[in-house]
Amino acid sequence: MTSPRLRLLAIALAFAVVIAIGAAISLGGLLDPTLTRSDYVGSAEVTPEDAKLYRTVPFEWRIEGRGGTFEGKDAAHVRVDPSGERTLVCGWLEVDKAGASVRASRWLSQARLAVGNLVISAAFIAPVEVVPGNGLSAGCAGLYDGLKPAADSALSLDGPSVPE
């Protein structure tokens, strides 16, 4: 092969690799394969009656920044609702005035929520400063693939330390 042909072949091969990587990303092949497919579907108003259906899910968070490492404990409130066409998982985190829950909210953006034997991103959990019945809206994720975990499935939050 001559040098121009070899160069053309190398460019075509590089183009094919870029296309393959793009296709793998769009199909979820390069995303975390341990996560169940879900997406943010909006928010749901939480009345005092609805709040009784949410369960407290305690967690420990860790944030690393220039000022050092910050650790703490907090709790999210999560509900699994398999009654609709798509299962909805909704949740909120009560933000305190001291600011620790702001860091907890940052940690949740990278955390995972186990719902029974399924694991989804916890990024949908909404930080709120109000109480149920006073304009509180929980963030909600919808599960794909017709998955229907039980409303009383075990819940737990886990994740790595994240940068501030």
N, C-alpha and C. Protein backbone atom coordinates (compact mmCIF):
# COMPACT_ATOMS: atom_id res chain seq x y z
N MET A 1 0.84 -1.19 0.00
CA MET A 1 0.00 0.00 0.00
C MET A 1 0.87 1.24 0.00
N THR A 2 0.37 2.23 -0.64
CA THR A 2 1.09 3.49 -0.65
C THR A 2 0.71 4.29 0.58
N SER A 3 1.50 5.26 0.87
CA SER A 3 1.29 6.09 2.06
C SER A 3 -0.07 6.80 2.06
N PRO A 4 -0.56 7.39 0.96
CA PRO A 4 -1.88 8.03 0.98
C PRO A 4 -3.00 7.02 1.25
N ARG A 5 -2.89 5.81 0.70
CA ARG A 5 -3.91 4.80 0.96
C ARG A 5 -3.89 4.36 2.41
N LEU A 6 -2.71 4.21 2.96
CA LEU A 6 -2.58 3.81 4.36
C LEU A 6 -3.17 4.89 5.27
N ARG A 7 -2.90 6.14 4.94
CA ARG A 7 -3.44 7.25 5.70
C ARG A 7 -4.97 7.28 5.61
N LEU A 8 -5.51 7.05 4.44
CA LEU A 8 -6.96 7.01 4.24
C LEU A 8 -7.58 5.85 5.03
N LEU A 9 -6.92 4.71 5.04
CA LEU A 9 -7.41 3.56 5.81
C LEU A 9 -7.38 3.86 7.30
N ALA A 10 -6.36 4.52 7.78
CA ALA A 10 -6.26 4.87 9.20
C ALA A 10 -7.36 5.85 9.59
N ILE A 11 -7.66 6.80 8.74
CA ILE A 11 -8.73 7.77 9.01
C ILE A 11 -10.08 7.06 9.02
N ALA A 12 -10.31 6.17 8.08
CA ALA A 12 -11.57 5.43 8.04
C ALA A 12 -11.72 4.55 9.27
N LEU A 13 -10.64 3.91 9.70
CA LEU A 13 -10.68 3.07 10.90
C LEU A 13 -10.96 3.92 12.15
N ALA A 14 -10.33 5.07 12.26
CA ALA A 14 -10.56 5.96 13.40
C ALA A 14 -12.02 6.44 13.40
N PHE A 15 -12.54 6.76 12.24
CA PHE A 15 -13.94 7.17 12.13
C PHE A 15 -14.87 6.05 12.59
N ALA A 16 -14.59 4.82 12.17
CA ALA A 16 -15.41 3.67 12.56
C ALA A 16 -15.36 3.44 14.07
N VAL A 17 -14.21 3.64 14.69
CA VAL A 17 -14.09 3.48 16.14
C VAL A 17 -14.92 4.55 16.86
N VAL A 18 -14.87 5.77 16.39
CA VAL A 18 -15.66 6.85 17.00
C VAL A 18 -17.15 6.55 16.87
N ILE A 19 -17.58 6.08 15.73
CA ILE A 19 -18.99 5.73 15.52
C ILE A 19 -19.38 4.58 16.46
N ALA A 20 -18.54 3.57 16.60
CA ALA A 20 -18.84 2.43 17.49
C ALA A 20 -18.95 2.87 18.94
N ILE A 21 -18.06 3.75 19.37
CA ILE A 21 -18.11 4.26 20.75
C ILE A 21 -19.38 5.06 20.95
N GLY A 22 -19.72 5.91 20.01
CA GLY A 22 -20.97 6.70 20.10
C GLY A 22 -22.19 5.81 20.18
N ALA A 23 -22.23 4.77 19.37
CA ALA A 23 -23.36 3.84 19.40
C ALA A 23 -23.43 3.11 20.73
N ALA A 24 -22.29 2.70 21.27
CA ALA A 24 -22.27 2.00 22.56
C ALA A 24 -22.75 2.92 23.68
N ILE A 25 -22.38 4.18 23.64
CA ILE A 25 -22.83 5.12 24.66
C ILE A 25 -24.33 5.34 24.55
N SER A 26 -24.82 5.54 23.32
CA SER A 26 -26.25 5.81 23.15
C SER A 26 -27.11 4.61 23.53
N LEU A 27 -26.59 3.42 23.42
CA LEU A 27 -27.32 2.23 23.80
C LEU A 27 -27.09 1.84 25.25
N GLY A 28 -26.28 2.61 25.95
CA GLY A 28 -26.04 2.33 27.36
C GLY A 28 -24.94 1.33 27.61
N GLY A 29 -24.24 0.92 26.60
CA GLY A 29 -23.20 -0.10 26.76
C GLY A 29 -21.99 0.37 27.54
N LEU A 30 -21.72 1.66 27.55
CA LEU A 30 -20.57 2.15 28.29
C LEU A 30 -20.96 2.83 29.59
N LEU A 31 -22.25 2.88 29.88
CA LEU A 31 -22.70 3.39 31.16
C LEU A 31 -22.53 2.30 32.19
N ASP A 32 -22.78 2.60 33.44
CA ASP A 32 -22.63 1.61 34.49
C ASP A 32 -23.61 0.46 34.25
N PRO A 33 -23.12 -0.72 33.89
CA PRO A 33 -24.03 -1.82 33.58
C PRO A 33 -24.74 -2.39 34.80
N THR A 34 -24.30 -2.02 35.99
CA THR A 34 -24.96 -2.54 37.20
C THR A 34 -26.22 -1.75 37.54
N LEU A 35 -26.42 -0.60 36.90
CA LEU A 35 -27.60 0.22 37.18
C LEU A 35 -28.78 -0.22 36.31
N THR A 36 -29.94 -0.30 36.93
CA THR A 36 -31.18 -0.57 36.21
C THR A 36 -31.54 0.68 35.42
N ARG A 37 -32.05 0.50 34.21
CA ARG A 37 -32.40 1.65 33.39
C ARG A 37 -33.58 2.40 34.01
N SER A 38 -33.37 3.68 34.22
CA SER A 38 -34.41 4.56 34.75
C SER A 38 -34.13 5.96 34.26
N ASP A 39 -35.13 6.84 34.37
CA ASP A 39 -34.90 8.23 34.02
C ASP A 39 -35.74 9.12 34.93
N TYR A 40 -35.31 10.37 35.02
CA TYR A 40 -36.03 11.36 35.82
C TYR A 40 -37.31 11.70 35.09
N VAL A 41 -38.45 11.60 35.77
CA VAL A 41 -39.72 11.86 35.11
C VAL A 41 -40.44 13.08 35.66
N GLY A 42 -39.83 13.78 36.60
CA GLY A 42 -40.46 14.98 37.14
C GLY A 42 -40.61 14.89 38.64
N SER A 43 -41.60 15.59 39.16
CA SER A 43 -41.80 15.62 40.60
C SER A 43 -43.25 15.33 40.93
N ALA A 44 -43.48 14.97 42.18
CA ALA A 44 -44.83 14.68 42.66
C ALA A 44 -45.04 15.43 43.97
N GLU A 45 -46.15 16.13 44.06
CA GLU A 45 -46.47 16.83 45.31
C GLU A 45 -46.74 15.79 46.40
N VAL A 46 -46.24 16.07 47.59
CA VAL A 46 -46.40 15.14 48.71
C VAL A 46 -47.28 15.79 49.77
N THR A 47 -48.46 15.22 49.94
CA THR A 47 -49.38 15.69 50.98
C THR A 47 -49.04 14.96 52.29
N PRO A 48 -49.58 15.42 53.42
CA PRO A 48 -49.32 14.70 54.67
C PRO A 48 -49.77 13.23 54.60
N GLU A 49 -50.86 12.95 53.89
CA GLU A 49 -51.31 11.55 53.74
C GLU A 49 -50.33 10.75 52.89
N ASP A 50 -49.84 11.36 51.78
CA ASP A 50 -48.86 10.70 50.91
C ASP A 50 -47.56 10.42 51.67
N ALA A 51 -47.18 11.32 52.54
CA ALA A 51 -45.91 11.19 53.27
C ALA A 51 -45.86 9.89 54.07
N LYS A 52 -47.02 9.38 54.47
CA LYS A 52 -47.05 8.13 55.23
C LYS A 52 -46.61 6.94 54.39
N LEU A 53 -46.64 7.07 53.06
CA LEU A 53 -46.24 6.00 52.16
C LEU A 53 -44.74 6.01 51.88
N TYR A 54 -44.06 7.07 52.28
CA TYR A 54 -42.61 7.19 52.08
C TYR A 54 -41.89 6.56 53.26
N ARG A 55 -40.79 5.87 52.96
CA ARG A 55 -40.00 5.25 54.01
C ARG A 55 -38.68 5.99 54.18
N THR A 56 -38.23 6.07 55.42
CA THR A 56 -36.97 6.73 55.72
C THR A 56 -35.83 5.78 55.37
N VAL A 57 -34.87 6.28 54.58
CA VAL A 57 -33.72 5.49 54.17
C VAL A 57 -32.47 6.20 54.67
N PRO A 58 -31.89 5.76 55.80
CA PRO A 58 -30.69 6.41 56.31
C PRO A 58 -29.48 6.11 55.44
N PHE A 59 -28.53 7.03 55.43
CA PHE A 59 -27.29 6.81 54.66
C PHE A 59 -26.16 7.63 55.27
N GLU A 60 -24.95 7.21 54.97
CA GLU A 60 -23.75 7.95 55.35
C GLU A 60 -23.12 8.50 54.08
N TRP A 61 -22.73 9.77 54.11
CA TRP A 61 -22.15 10.40 52.94
C TRP A 61 -20.74 10.87 53.24
N ARG A 62 -19.97 11.08 52.16
CA ARG A 62 -18.59 11.55 52.30
C ARG A 62 -18.27 12.43 51.10
N ILE A 63 -17.83 13.65 51.40
CA ILE A 63 -17.47 14.63 50.36
C ILE A 63 -16.00 15.01 50.58
N GLU A 64 -15.25 15.05 49.50
CA GLU A 64 -13.85 15.45 49.58
C GLU A 64 -13.66 16.76 48.82
N GLY A 65 -13.04 17.73 49.48
CA GLY A 65 -12.82 19.02 48.85
C GLY A 65 -11.48 19.60 49.26
N ARG A 66 -11.22 20.82 48.82
CA ARG A 66 -9.96 21.49 49.17
C ARG A 66 -9.86 21.73 50.67
N GLY A 67 -11.00 21.89 51.31
CA GLY A 67 -11.02 22.14 52.75
C GLY A 67 -10.91 20.87 53.59
N GLY A 68 -10.79 19.73 52.94
CA GLY A 68 -10.69 18.47 53.66
C GLY A 68 -11.82 17.53 53.30
N THR A 69 -11.98 16.52 54.13
CA THR A 69 -13.02 15.53 53.92
C THR A 69 -14.15 15.78 54.91
N PHE A 70 -15.36 15.77 54.40
CA PHE A 70 -16.55 15.97 55.22
C PHE A 70 -17.37 14.70 55.19
N GLU A 71 -17.81 14.25 56.35
CA GLU A 71 -18.62 13.05 56.46
C GLU A 71 -19.84 13.35 57.31
N GLY A 72 -20.89 12.60 57.07
CA GLY A 72 -22.08 12.79 57.88
C GLY A 72 -23.10 11.70 57.63
N LYS A 73 -24.17 11.81 58.38
CA LYS A 73 -25.30 10.89 58.24
C LYS A 73 -26.54 11.71 57.97
N ASP A 74 -27.41 11.15 57.15
CA ASP A 74 -28.66 11.82 56.83
C ASP A 74 -29.67 10.75 56.47
N ALA A 75 -30.85 11.16 56.08
CA ALA A 75 -31.89 10.21 55.69
C ALA A 75 -32.73 10.80 54.57
N ALA A 76 -32.98 9.99 53.57
CA ALA A 76 -33.88 10.36 52.48
C ALA A 76 -35.22 9.68 52.75
N HIS A 77 -36.25 10.18 52.12
CA HIS A 77 -37.58 9.61 52.23
C HIS A 77 -37.96 9.13 50.83
N VAL A 78 -38.23 7.82 50.71
CA VAL A 78 -38.39 7.20 49.39
C VAL A 78 -39.68 6.38 49.35
N ARG A 79 -40.33 6.43 48.21
CA ARG A 79 -41.55 5.63 47.97
C ARG A 79 -41.41 4.89 46.65
N VAL A 80 -41.79 3.63 46.63
CA VAL A 80 -41.83 2.83 45.41
C VAL A 80 -43.30 2.65 45.06
N ASP A 81 -43.69 3.06 43.85
CA ASP A 81 -45.08 2.97 43.42
C ASP A 81 -45.17 2.15 42.13
N PRO A 82 -45.42 0.84 42.24
CA PRO A 82 -45.50 -0.01 41.04
C PRO A 82 -46.90 -0.06 40.43
N SER A 83 -47.82 0.80 40.87
CA SER A 83 -49.22 0.69 40.45
C SER A 83 -49.51 1.22 39.05
N GLY A 84 -48.64 2.04 38.51
CA GLY A 84 -48.90 2.63 37.19
C GLY A 84 -48.32 1.82 36.05
N GLU A 85 -48.36 2.41 34.86
CA GLU A 85 -47.80 1.76 33.69
C GLU A 85 -46.30 1.53 33.87
N ARG A 86 -45.63 2.54 34.44
CA ARG A 86 -44.21 2.42 34.79
C ARG A 86 -44.09 2.55 36.30
N THR A 87 -43.20 1.77 36.87
CA THR A 87 -42.95 1.90 38.31
C THR A 87 -42.26 3.23 38.55
N LEU A 88 -42.76 3.99 39.52
CA LEU A 88 -42.14 5.25 39.92
C LEU A 88 -41.46 5.06 41.27
N VAL A 89 -40.28 5.63 41.38
CA VAL A 89 -39.57 5.68 42.64
C VAL A 89 -39.36 7.16 42.92
N CYS A 90 -39.96 7.65 44.01
CA CYS A 90 -39.91 9.08 44.32
C CYS A 90 -39.22 9.28 45.65
N GLY A 91 -38.57 10.44 45.82
CA GLY A 91 -37.90 10.69 47.08
C GLY A 91 -37.55 12.14 47.30
N TRP A 92 -37.31 12.45 48.57
CA TRP A 92 -36.86 13.78 48.94
C TRP A 92 -35.88 13.69 50.10
N LEU A 93 -35.08 14.73 50.22
CA LEU A 93 -34.10 14.89 51.31
C LEU A 93 -34.38 16.23 51.96
N GLU A 94 -34.65 16.20 53.23
CA GLU A 94 -34.91 17.44 53.96
C GLU A 94 -33.59 18.17 54.19
N VAL A 95 -33.51 19.40 53.68
CA VAL A 95 -32.29 20.19 53.79
C VAL A 95 -32.34 20.99 55.08
N ASP A 96 -31.32 20.85 55.90
CA ASP A 96 -31.27 21.60 57.15
C ASP A 96 -30.64 22.97 56.93
N LYS A 97 -30.74 23.80 57.91
CA LYS A 97 -30.20 25.16 57.79
C LYS A 97 -28.69 25.22 57.98
N ALA A 98 -28.08 24.18 58.58
CA ALA A 98 -26.65 24.20 58.85
C ALA A 98 -25.80 23.91 57.61
N GLY A 99 -26.39 23.34 56.59
CA GLY A 99 -25.66 23.10 55.36
C GLY A 99 -25.14 21.70 55.16
N ALA A 100 -25.18 20.85 56.18
CA ALA A 100 -24.69 19.48 56.02
C ALA A 100 -25.52 18.73 54.99
N SER A 101 -26.80 18.99 54.95
CA SER A 101 -27.66 18.29 53.99
C SER A 101 -27.40 18.75 52.56
N VAL A 102 -26.82 19.91 52.39
CA VAL A 102 -26.43 20.34 51.04
C VAL A 102 -25.33 19.42 50.54
N ARG A 103 -24.40 19.07 51.42
CA ARG A 103 -23.36 18.11 51.05
C ARG A 103 -23.96 16.73 50.85
N ALA A 104 -24.92 16.36 51.67
CA ALA A 104 -25.60 15.07 51.51
C ALA A 104 -26.29 15.02 50.15
N SER A 105 -26.89 16.13 49.74
CA SER A 105 -27.56 16.22 48.44
C SER A 105 -26.54 16.05 47.32
N ARG A 106 -25.38 16.64 47.48
CA ARG A 106 -24.30 16.49 46.48
C ARG A 106 -23.90 15.02 46.37
N TRP A 107 -23.78 14.35 47.52
CA TRP A 107 -23.42 12.93 47.53
C TRP A 107 -24.50 12.10 46.84
N LEU A 108 -25.77 12.42 47.09
CA LEU A 108 -26.87 11.68 46.47
C LEU A 108 -26.84 11.77 44.95
N SER A 109 -26.29 12.85 44.41
CA SER A 109 -26.23 13.00 42.96
C SER A 109 -25.36 11.93 42.31
N GLN A 110 -24.49 11.28 43.11
CA GLN A 110 -23.62 10.23 42.59
C GLN A 110 -23.92 8.87 43.21
N ALA A 111 -24.88 8.82 44.13
CA ALA A 111 -25.16 7.59 44.88
C ALA A 111 -26.09 6.66 44.11
N ARG A 112 -26.25 5.48 44.67
CA ARG A 112 -27.14 4.46 44.09
C ARG A 112 -28.16 4.06 45.14
N LEU A 113 -29.37 3.86 44.67
CA LEU A 113 -30.46 3.39 45.53
C LEU A 113 -30.77 1.95 45.16
N ALA A 114 -30.65 1.06 46.14
CA ALA A 114 -31.04 -0.33 45.93
C ALA A 114 -32.53 -0.45 46.26
N VAL A 115 -33.29 -0.98 45.32
CA VAL A 115 -34.72 -1.22 45.49
C VAL A 115 -34.89 -2.72 45.33
N GLY A 116 -34.87 -3.44 46.44
CA GLY A 116 -34.85 -4.90 46.36
C GLY A 116 -33.56 -5.33 45.70
N ASN A 117 -33.65 -6.08 44.60
CA ASN A 117 -32.44 -6.52 43.90
C ASN A 117 -32.08 -5.62 42.72
N LEU A 118 -32.79 -4.50 42.53
CA LEU A 118 -32.49 -3.53 41.49
C LEU A 118 -31.67 -2.39 42.07
N VAL A 119 -30.83 -1.78 41.24
CA VAL A 119 -30.04 -0.62 41.68
C VAL A 119 -30.23 0.49 40.66
N ILE A 120 -30.63 1.67 41.13
CA ILE A 120 -30.82 2.82 40.23
C ILE A 120 -30.03 4.01 40.77
N SER A 121 -29.82 4.98 39.92
CA SER A 121 -29.17 6.22 40.34
C SER A 121 -30.09 6.94 41.33
N ALA A 122 -29.51 7.51 42.37
CA ALA A 122 -30.29 8.24 43.37
C ALA A 122 -30.38 9.73 43.06
N ALA A 123 -29.94 10.13 41.89
CA ALA A 123 -29.90 11.56 41.53
C ALA A 123 -31.28 12.19 41.49
N PHE A 124 -32.34 11.41 41.39
CA PHE A 124 -33.70 11.95 41.33
C PHE A 124 -34.18 12.48 42.68
N ILE A 125 -33.56 12.08 43.78
CA ILE A 125 -34.02 12.48 45.12
C ILE A 125 -33.85 13.99 45.27
N ALA A 126 -34.96 14.68 45.54
CA ALA A 126 -34.99 16.14 45.55
C ALA A 126 -34.67 16.71 46.93
N PRO A 127 -33.74 17.66 47.00
CA PRO A 127 -33.53 18.37 48.26
C PRO A 127 -34.67 19.36 48.47
N VAL A 128 -35.27 19.37 49.66
CA VAL A 128 -36.40 20.25 49.93
C VAL A 128 -36.22 20.97 51.26
N GLU A 129 -36.84 22.12 51.37
CA GLU A 129 -36.80 22.90 52.61
C GLU A 129 -38.16 23.04 53.26
N VAL A 130 -39.15 22.33 52.72
CA VAL A 130 -40.52 22.42 53.24
C VAL A 130 -40.98 21.05 53.73
N VAL A 131 -42.10 21.04 54.41
CA VAL A 131 -42.64 19.78 54.95
C VAL A 131 -43.81 19.32 54.08
N PRO A 132 -44.16 18.02 54.15
CA PRO A 132 -45.30 17.54 53.37
C PRO A 132 -46.56 18.36 53.65
N GLY A 133 -47.27 18.68 52.58
CA GLY A 133 -48.48 19.47 52.70
C GLY A 133 -48.24 20.96 52.60
N ASN A 134 -46.98 21.35 52.52
CA ASN A 134 -46.63 22.76 52.44
C ASN A 134 -45.86 23.05 51.15
N GLY A 135 -46.24 22.36 50.08
CA GLY A 135 -45.58 22.58 48.79
C GLY A 135 -44.41 21.66 48.53
N LEU A 136 -44.25 20.60 49.32
CA LEU A 136 -43.14 19.68 49.11
C LEU A 136 -43.36 18.87 47.84
N SER A 137 -42.34 18.81 46.99
CA SER A 137 -42.38 18.00 45.78
C SER A 137 -41.20 17.03 45.81
N ALA A 138 -41.50 15.75 45.72
CA ALA A 138 -40.46 14.73 45.67
C ALA A 138 -40.05 14.53 44.22
N GLY A 139 -38.76 14.31 44.00
CA GLY A 139 -38.28 13.98 42.66
C GLY A 139 -38.62 12.52 42.36
N CYS A 140 -38.90 12.21 41.09
CA CYS A 140 -39.32 10.85 40.73
C CYS A 140 -38.53 10.31 39.54
N ALA A 141 -38.21 9.04 39.62
CA ALA A 141 -37.59 8.31 38.52
C ALA A 141 -38.54 7.21 38.08
N GLY A 142 -38.59 6.96 36.80
CA GLY A 142 -39.41 5.89 36.26
C GLY A 142 -38.51 4.75 35.80
N LEU A 143 -38.90 3.52 36.11
CA LEU A 143 -38.13 2.35 35.70
C LEU A 143 -38.54 1.91 34.30
N TYR A 144 -37.59 1.46 33.53
CA TYR A 144 -37.84 0.91 32.19
C TYR A 144 -38.04 -0.60 32.25
N ASP A 145 -38.31 -1.17 31.11
CA ASP A 145 -38.36 -2.61 30.90
C ASP A 145 -39.45 -3.31 31.69
N GLY A 146 -40.50 -2.58 32.08
CA GLY A 146 -41.62 -3.20 32.77
C GLY A 146 -41.30 -3.75 34.14
N LEU A 147 -40.23 -3.27 34.74
CA LEU A 147 -39.85 -3.77 36.07
C LEU A 147 -40.85 -3.30 37.12
N LYS A 148 -41.27 -4.18 38.00
CA LYS A 148 -42.27 -3.87 39.01
C LYS A 148 -41.82 -4.40 40.39
N PRO A 149 -40.85 -3.75 41.01
CA PRO A 149 -40.49 -4.18 42.36
C PRO A 149 -41.66 -3.90 43.31
N ALA A 150 -41.76 -4.67 44.36
CA ALA A 150 -42.85 -4.49 45.33
C ALA A 150 -42.72 -3.14 46.02
N ALA A 151 -43.84 -2.57 46.41
CA ALA A 151 -43.85 -1.28 47.11
C ALA A 151 -43.08 -1.35 48.42
N ASP A 152 -43.00 -2.54 49.00
CA ASP A 152 -42.29 -2.69 50.28
C ASP A 152 -40.91 -3.30 50.10
N SER A 153 -40.34 -3.20 48.91
CA SER A 153 -38.98 -3.71 48.66
C SER A 153 -37.99 -3.06 49.62
N ALA A 154 -36.98 -3.82 49.99
CA ALA A 154 -35.91 -3.27 50.83
C ALA A 154 -35.24 -2.10 50.10
N LEU A 155 -34.94 -1.04 50.84
CA LEU A 155 -34.30 0.15 50.27
C LEU A 155 -32.99 0.45 51.00
N SER A 156 -31.97 0.81 50.24
CA SER A 156 -30.72 1.24 50.85
C SER A 156 -29.97 2.15 49.87
N LEU A 157 -29.19 3.07 50.42
CA LEU A 157 -28.40 4.00 49.63
C LEU A 157 -26.93 3.72 49.86
N ASP A 158 -26.15 3.76 48.76
CA ASP A 158 -24.72 3.49 48.83
C ASP A 158 -24.03 4.30 47.74
N GLY A 159 -22.78 4.61 47.96
CA GLY A 159 -22.04 5.32 46.93
C GLY A 159 -20.65 5.69 47.39
N PRO A 160 -19.82 6.10 46.47
CA PRO A 160 -18.44 6.49 46.79
C PRO A 160 -18.39 7.90 47.35
N SER A 161 -17.23 8.27 47.89
CA SER A 161 -17.05 9.67 48.26
C SER A 161 -16.97 10.46 46.97
N VAL A 162 -17.46 11.69 46.99
CA VAL A 162 -17.52 12.50 45.78
C VAL A 162 -16.81 13.84 46.02
N PRO A 163 -16.33 14.45 44.94
CA PRO A 163 -15.68 15.76 45.09
C PRO A 163 -16.71 16.84 45.38
N GLU A 164 -16.28 17.85 46.12
CA GLU A 164 -17.19 18.94 46.48
C GLU A 164 -17.43 19.86 45.31
